[in-house]
């Protein structure tokens, strides 16, 4: 039985995430939505779905696997309960590309400056 308790709420910041999301296949979009709902509804989210990016100040990655494809969506918390989705990409190597992390950090900085 699925509860409707939400421990956190995911929101999009500008259209960074949406641009990525709309480019994905229907199956991948469904998996992304499923994963985000899981993160909103679980009190303790397993690291296979949400992980802190080391050496960053508060940047996290939502981890999605669809078939053989791996996707990452960067996010951060605001007021502890709100997840701000920033950008996403398809992962093709073991390590998360530095330029993707830098882009997410830049967007996070932009968000904080606008608050």
N, C-alpha and C. Protein backbone atom coordinates (compact mmCIF):
# COMPACT_ATOMS: atom_id res chain seq x y z
N UNK A 1 0.84 -1.18 0.00
CA UNK A 1 0.00 0.00 0.00
C UNK A 1 0.89 1.25 0.00
N UNK A 2 0.62 2.14 -0.90
CA UNK A 2 1.42 3.34 -1.04
C UNK A 2 0.84 4.47 -0.19
N UNK A 3 1.72 5.07 0.63
CA UNK A 3 1.23 6.18 1.44
C UNK A 3 1.44 7.49 0.69
N UNK A 4 0.67 8.48 1.03
CA UNK A 4 0.82 9.77 0.38
C UNK A 4 1.62 10.76 1.22
N UNK A 5 2.33 10.23 2.21
CA UNK A 5 3.18 11.08 3.03
C UNK A 5 4.39 11.48 2.18
N UNK A 6 4.66 12.78 2.19
CA UNK A 6 5.83 13.24 1.46
C UNK A 6 6.81 13.84 2.45
N UNK A 7 8.02 13.34 2.40
CA UNK A 7 9.06 13.85 3.29
C UNK A 7 9.79 15.02 2.65
N UNK A 8 9.68 15.12 1.34
CA UNK A 8 10.30 16.23 0.63
C UNK A 8 9.54 16.46 -0.67
N UNK A 9 9.73 17.60 -1.27
CA UNK A 9 9.04 17.95 -2.51
C UNK A 9 10.07 18.34 -3.56
N UNK A 10 9.93 17.77 -4.73
CA UNK A 10 10.85 18.10 -5.83
C UNK A 10 10.24 19.22 -6.67
N UNK A 11 11.04 20.22 -6.96
CA UNK A 11 10.59 21.29 -7.86
C UNK A 11 11.67 21.52 -8.91
N UNK A 12 11.28 22.09 -10.02
CA UNK A 12 12.23 22.41 -11.08
C UNK A 12 12.67 23.85 -10.91
N UNK A 13 13.92 24.08 -11.18
CA UNK A 13 14.42 25.45 -11.19
C UNK A 13 14.59 25.87 -12.64
N UNK A 14 13.88 26.92 -13.02
CA UNK A 14 13.85 27.41 -14.41
C UNK A 14 13.53 26.24 -15.34
N UNK A 15 14.17 26.18 -16.52
CA UNK A 15 13.83 25.07 -17.43
C UNK A 15 15.01 24.13 -17.67
N UNK A 16 16.04 24.20 -16.83
CA UNK A 16 17.23 23.36 -17.02
C UNK A 16 16.88 21.87 -17.03
N UNK A 17 16.16 21.44 -16.01
CA UNK A 17 15.80 20.02 -15.91
C UNK A 17 14.79 19.63 -16.99
N UNK A 18 13.81 20.50 -17.20
CA UNK A 18 12.74 20.21 -18.16
C UNK A 18 13.28 19.94 -19.57
N UNK A 19 14.28 20.72 -19.98
CA UNK A 19 14.90 20.52 -21.30
C UNK A 19 15.47 19.12 -21.43
N UNK A 20 16.15 18.68 -20.39
CA UNK A 20 16.72 17.32 -20.37
C UNK A 20 15.60 16.28 -20.39
N UNK A 21 14.62 16.47 -19.52
CA UNK A 21 13.52 15.51 -19.35
C UNK A 21 12.76 15.28 -20.66
N UNK A 22 12.44 16.35 -21.36
CA UNK A 22 11.64 16.24 -22.58
C UNK A 22 12.36 15.52 -23.73
N UNK A 23 13.67 15.45 -23.67
CA UNK A 23 14.46 14.77 -24.71
C UNK A 23 14.47 13.25 -24.53
N UNK A 24 14.03 12.78 -23.36
CA UNK A 24 14.13 11.36 -23.04
C UNK A 24 12.95 10.56 -23.63
N UNK A 25 13.18 9.25 -23.76
CA UNK A 25 12.12 8.36 -24.25
C UNK A 25 11.00 8.30 -23.20
N UNK A 26 9.85 7.82 -23.63
CA UNK A 26 8.70 7.71 -22.72
C UNK A 26 9.04 6.81 -21.54
N UNK A 27 9.73 5.70 -21.81
CA UNK A 27 10.12 4.75 -20.75
C UNK A 27 11.05 5.41 -19.75
N UNK A 28 12.01 6.16 -20.25
CA UNK A 28 12.97 6.84 -19.37
C UNK A 28 12.27 7.92 -18.56
N UNK A 29 11.37 8.67 -19.18
CA UNK A 29 10.63 9.71 -18.45
C UNK A 29 9.81 9.08 -17.32
N UNK A 30 9.20 7.94 -17.60
CA UNK A 30 8.40 7.24 -16.58
C UNK A 30 9.31 6.80 -15.42
N UNK A 31 10.49 6.33 -15.72
CA UNK A 31 11.44 5.89 -14.68
C UNK A 31 11.93 7.09 -13.86
N UNK A 32 12.14 8.22 -14.52
CA UNK A 32 12.57 9.44 -13.83
C UNK A 32 11.47 9.87 -12.84
N UNK A 33 10.22 9.90 -13.32
CA UNK A 33 9.09 10.29 -12.47
C UNK A 33 8.96 9.33 -11.28
N UNK A 34 9.07 8.03 -11.56
CA UNK A 34 8.98 7.02 -10.50
C UNK A 34 10.05 7.26 -9.44
N UNK A 35 11.28 7.52 -9.88
CA UNK A 35 12.40 7.72 -8.95
C UNK A 35 12.21 8.99 -8.12
N UNK A 36 11.76 10.06 -8.76
CA UNK A 36 11.53 11.32 -8.02
C UNK A 36 10.43 11.12 -6.98
N UNK A 37 9.37 10.41 -7.33
CA UNK A 37 8.29 10.15 -6.37
C UNK A 37 8.81 9.32 -5.19
N UNK A 38 9.66 8.36 -5.48
CA UNK A 38 10.25 7.52 -4.44
C UNK A 38 11.05 8.40 -3.47
N UNK A 39 11.83 9.31 -4.00
CA UNK A 39 12.65 10.21 -3.19
C UNK A 39 11.77 11.13 -2.34
N UNK A 40 10.64 11.54 -2.90
CA UNK A 40 9.72 12.40 -2.15
C UNK A 40 9.06 11.63 -0.99
N UNK A 41 8.79 10.34 -1.20
CA UNK A 41 7.96 9.58 -0.27
C UNK A 41 8.71 8.74 0.75
N UNK A 42 9.98 8.43 0.51
CA UNK A 42 10.74 7.63 1.47
C UNK A 42 11.41 8.53 2.49
N UNK A 43 11.30 8.14 3.76
CA UNK A 43 11.94 8.95 4.79
C UNK A 43 13.46 8.87 4.66
N UNK A 44 13.96 7.65 4.45
CA UNK A 44 15.39 7.45 4.23
C UNK A 44 15.58 6.90 2.81
N UNK A 45 16.19 7.69 1.97
CA UNK A 45 16.35 7.31 0.56
C UNK A 45 17.66 6.53 0.40
N UNK A 46 17.59 5.30 -0.15
CA UNK A 46 18.81 4.52 -0.38
C UNK A 46 19.77 5.25 -1.33
N UNK A 47 21.07 5.03 -1.11
CA UNK A 47 22.08 5.70 -1.92
C UNK A 47 22.03 5.31 -3.39
N UNK A 48 21.40 4.19 -3.71
CA UNK A 48 21.32 3.83 -5.13
C UNK A 48 20.43 4.81 -5.89
N UNK A 49 19.61 5.57 -5.18
CA UNK A 49 18.73 6.55 -5.82
C UNK A 49 19.17 8.01 -5.62
N UNK A 50 19.81 8.30 -4.51
CA UNK A 50 20.18 9.68 -4.21
C UNK A 50 21.50 9.68 -3.46
N UNK A 51 22.49 10.39 -4.01
CA UNK A 51 23.82 10.36 -3.40
C UNK A 51 24.44 11.74 -3.42
N UNK A 52 25.11 12.09 -2.32
CA UNK A 52 25.83 13.36 -2.23
C UNK A 52 27.06 13.30 -3.13
N UNK A 53 27.31 14.37 -3.87
CA UNK A 53 28.50 14.44 -4.71
C UNK A 53 29.66 14.91 -3.81
N UNK A 54 30.65 14.06 -3.68
CA UNK A 54 31.80 14.40 -2.83
C UNK A 54 32.45 15.69 -3.30
N UNK A 55 33.07 16.35 -2.39
CA UNK A 55 33.79 17.61 -2.63
C UNK A 55 32.90 18.74 -3.16
N UNK A 56 31.59 18.63 -2.95
CA UNK A 56 30.71 19.75 -3.29
C UNK A 56 29.96 20.14 -2.02
N UNK A 57 29.50 21.35 -1.99
CA UNK A 57 28.77 21.84 -0.83
C UNK A 57 27.27 21.71 -1.08
N UNK A 58 26.76 20.51 -0.85
CA UNK A 58 25.31 20.32 -0.91
C UNK A 58 24.73 19.86 -2.23
N UNK A 59 25.57 19.46 -3.19
CA UNK A 59 25.05 18.97 -4.47
C UNK A 59 24.85 17.46 -4.39
N UNK A 60 23.69 17.01 -4.87
CA UNK A 60 23.35 15.58 -4.88
C UNK A 60 23.05 15.15 -6.31
N UNK A 61 23.13 13.83 -6.53
CA UNK A 61 22.70 13.30 -7.82
C UNK A 61 21.63 12.26 -7.59
N UNK A 62 20.56 12.39 -8.39
CA UNK A 62 19.52 11.37 -8.43
C UNK A 62 20.00 10.37 -9.47
N UNK A 63 20.00 9.10 -9.10
CA UNK A 63 20.58 8.07 -9.95
C UNK A 63 19.47 7.22 -10.56
N UNK A 64 19.48 7.14 -11.87
CA UNK A 64 18.42 6.42 -12.59
C UNK A 64 19.05 5.45 -13.57
N UNK A 65 18.57 4.20 -13.53
CA UNK A 65 19.03 3.20 -14.49
C UNK A 65 17.81 2.72 -15.26
N UNK A 66 17.87 2.82 -16.56
CA UNK A 66 16.78 2.36 -17.43
C UNK A 66 17.39 1.44 -18.47
N UNK A 67 17.15 0.13 -18.32
CA UNK A 67 17.81 -0.82 -19.21
C UNK A 67 19.32 -0.72 -19.00
N UNK A 68 20.07 -0.52 -20.09
CA UNK A 68 21.52 -0.36 -19.98
C UNK A 68 21.94 1.09 -19.84
N UNK A 69 20.98 1.98 -19.86
CA UNK A 69 21.30 3.41 -19.80
C UNK A 69 21.30 3.91 -18.36
N UNK A 70 22.24 4.79 -18.09
CA UNK A 70 22.35 5.39 -16.76
C UNK A 70 22.19 6.89 -16.90
N UNK A 71 21.34 7.46 -16.06
CA UNK A 71 21.09 8.90 -16.08
C UNK A 71 21.36 9.47 -14.71
N UNK A 72 21.77 10.74 -14.69
CA UNK A 72 21.98 11.45 -13.44
C UNK A 72 21.24 12.78 -13.51
N UNK A 73 20.59 13.13 -12.42
CA UNK A 73 19.94 14.43 -12.32
C UNK A 73 20.50 15.09 -11.06
N UNK A 74 21.07 16.26 -11.25
CA UNK A 74 21.63 16.97 -10.11
C UNK A 74 20.54 17.72 -9.38
N UNK A 75 20.69 17.80 -8.07
CA UNK A 75 19.71 18.51 -7.25
C UNK A 75 20.38 18.95 -5.96
N UNK A 76 19.68 19.77 -5.22
CA UNK A 76 20.14 20.19 -3.90
C UNK A 76 18.91 20.48 -3.05
N UNK A 77 19.12 20.59 -1.76
CA UNK A 77 18.01 20.82 -0.84
C UNK A 77 17.91 22.29 -0.48
N UNK A 78 16.70 22.72 -0.25
CA UNK A 78 16.44 24.06 0.24
C UNK A 78 15.49 23.89 1.42
N UNK A 79 15.81 24.46 2.56
CA UNK A 79 15.02 24.32 3.78
C UNK A 79 14.86 22.86 4.19
N UNK A 80 15.79 22.02 3.77
CA UNK A 80 15.81 20.63 4.19
C UNK A 80 14.77 19.72 3.56
N UNK A 81 13.70 20.28 3.06
CA UNK A 81 12.61 19.45 2.57
C UNK A 81 12.36 19.57 1.07
N UNK A 82 12.89 20.62 0.49
CA UNK A 82 12.61 20.89 -0.91
C UNK A 82 13.80 20.44 -1.75
N UNK A 83 13.56 19.66 -2.78
CA UNK A 83 14.64 19.26 -3.67
C UNK A 83 14.53 20.11 -4.93
N UNK A 84 15.59 20.81 -5.25
CA UNK A 84 15.59 21.64 -6.44
C UNK A 84 16.30 20.86 -7.55
N UNK A 85 15.58 20.49 -8.58
CA UNK A 85 16.18 19.76 -9.70
C UNK A 85 16.83 20.76 -10.63
N UNK A 86 18.08 20.52 -10.96
CA UNK A 86 18.76 21.48 -11.83
C UNK A 86 19.00 20.93 -13.22
N UNK A 87 19.96 20.07 -13.41
CA UNK A 87 20.19 19.57 -14.77
C UNK A 87 20.40 18.07 -14.75
N UNK A 88 20.28 17.47 -15.90
CA UNK A 88 20.45 16.02 -16.01
C UNK A 88 21.27 15.68 -17.23
N UNK A 89 21.78 14.45 -17.25
CA UNK A 89 22.53 13.99 -18.42
C UNK A 89 22.56 12.47 -18.42
N UNK A 90 22.90 11.90 -19.58
CA UNK A 90 23.06 10.46 -19.67
C UNK A 90 24.52 10.15 -19.39
N UNK A 91 24.74 9.23 -18.49
CA UNK A 91 26.09 8.90 -18.06
C UNK A 91 26.66 7.83 -18.99
N UNK A 92 27.84 8.09 -19.53
CA UNK A 92 28.45 7.14 -20.46
C UNK A 92 29.80 6.62 -19.96
N UNK A 93 30.29 7.17 -18.84
CA UNK A 93 31.57 6.73 -18.28
C UNK A 93 31.39 6.45 -16.80
N UNK A 94 32.40 5.82 -16.19
CA UNK A 94 32.36 5.51 -14.76
C UNK A 94 32.24 6.78 -13.92
N UNK A 95 33.08 7.74 -14.23
CA UNK A 95 33.11 8.97 -13.44
C UNK A 95 32.12 9.99 -13.98
N UNK A 96 31.50 10.72 -13.07
CA UNK A 96 30.60 11.80 -13.48
C UNK A 96 31.46 12.91 -14.09
N UNK A 97 31.15 13.33 -15.33
CA UNK A 97 31.95 14.37 -15.99
C UNK A 97 32.01 15.66 -15.16
N UNK A 98 33.22 16.19 -15.01
CA UNK A 98 33.46 17.39 -14.22
C UNK A 98 32.63 18.57 -14.75
N UNK A 99 32.49 18.68 -16.07
CA UNK A 99 31.75 19.82 -16.63
C UNK A 99 30.27 19.77 -16.25
N UNK A 100 29.73 18.57 -16.08
CA UNK A 100 28.32 18.44 -15.65
C UNK A 100 28.17 18.88 -14.19
N UNK A 101 29.13 18.53 -13.36
CA UNK A 101 29.11 18.95 -11.95
C UNK A 101 29.25 20.46 -11.87
N UNK A 102 30.19 21.02 -12.66
CA UNK A 102 30.40 22.47 -12.66
C UNK A 102 29.14 23.21 -13.11
N UNK A 103 28.46 22.67 -14.11
CA UNK A 103 27.22 23.28 -14.60
C UNK A 103 26.16 23.29 -13.49
N UNK A 104 26.03 22.16 -12.80
CA UNK A 104 25.05 22.05 -11.71
C UNK A 104 25.38 23.02 -10.58
N UNK A 105 26.67 23.14 -10.24
CA UNK A 105 27.08 24.06 -9.18
C UNK A 105 26.78 25.50 -9.56
N UNK A 106 26.96 25.81 -10.83
CA UNK A 106 26.69 27.17 -11.33
C UNK A 106 25.18 27.47 -11.21
N UNK A 107 24.35 26.50 -11.56
CA UNK A 107 22.89 26.67 -11.47
C UNK A 107 22.47 26.80 -9.99
N UNK A 108 23.09 26.01 -9.12
CA UNK A 108 22.79 26.07 -7.69
C UNK A 108 23.13 27.45 -7.14
N UNK A 109 24.27 27.98 -7.56
CA UNK A 109 24.70 29.31 -7.14
C UNK A 109 23.70 30.38 -7.62
N UNK A 110 23.27 30.24 -8.87
CA UNK A 110 22.30 31.15 -9.47
C UNK A 110 21.01 31.15 -8.65
N UNK A 111 20.54 29.95 -8.28
CA UNK A 111 19.32 29.82 -7.48
C UNK A 111 19.46 30.56 -6.14
N UNK A 112 20.58 30.30 -5.47
CA UNK A 112 20.80 30.90 -4.14
C UNK A 112 20.91 32.42 -4.23
N UNK A 113 21.49 32.93 -5.30
CA UNK A 113 21.62 34.38 -5.48
C UNK A 113 20.27 35.05 -5.75
N UNK A 114 19.33 34.30 -6.33
CA UNK A 114 18.02 34.86 -6.64
C UNK A 114 17.07 34.84 -5.45
N UNK A 115 17.38 34.06 -4.44
CA UNK A 115 16.49 33.94 -3.27
C UNK A 115 16.47 35.20 -2.44
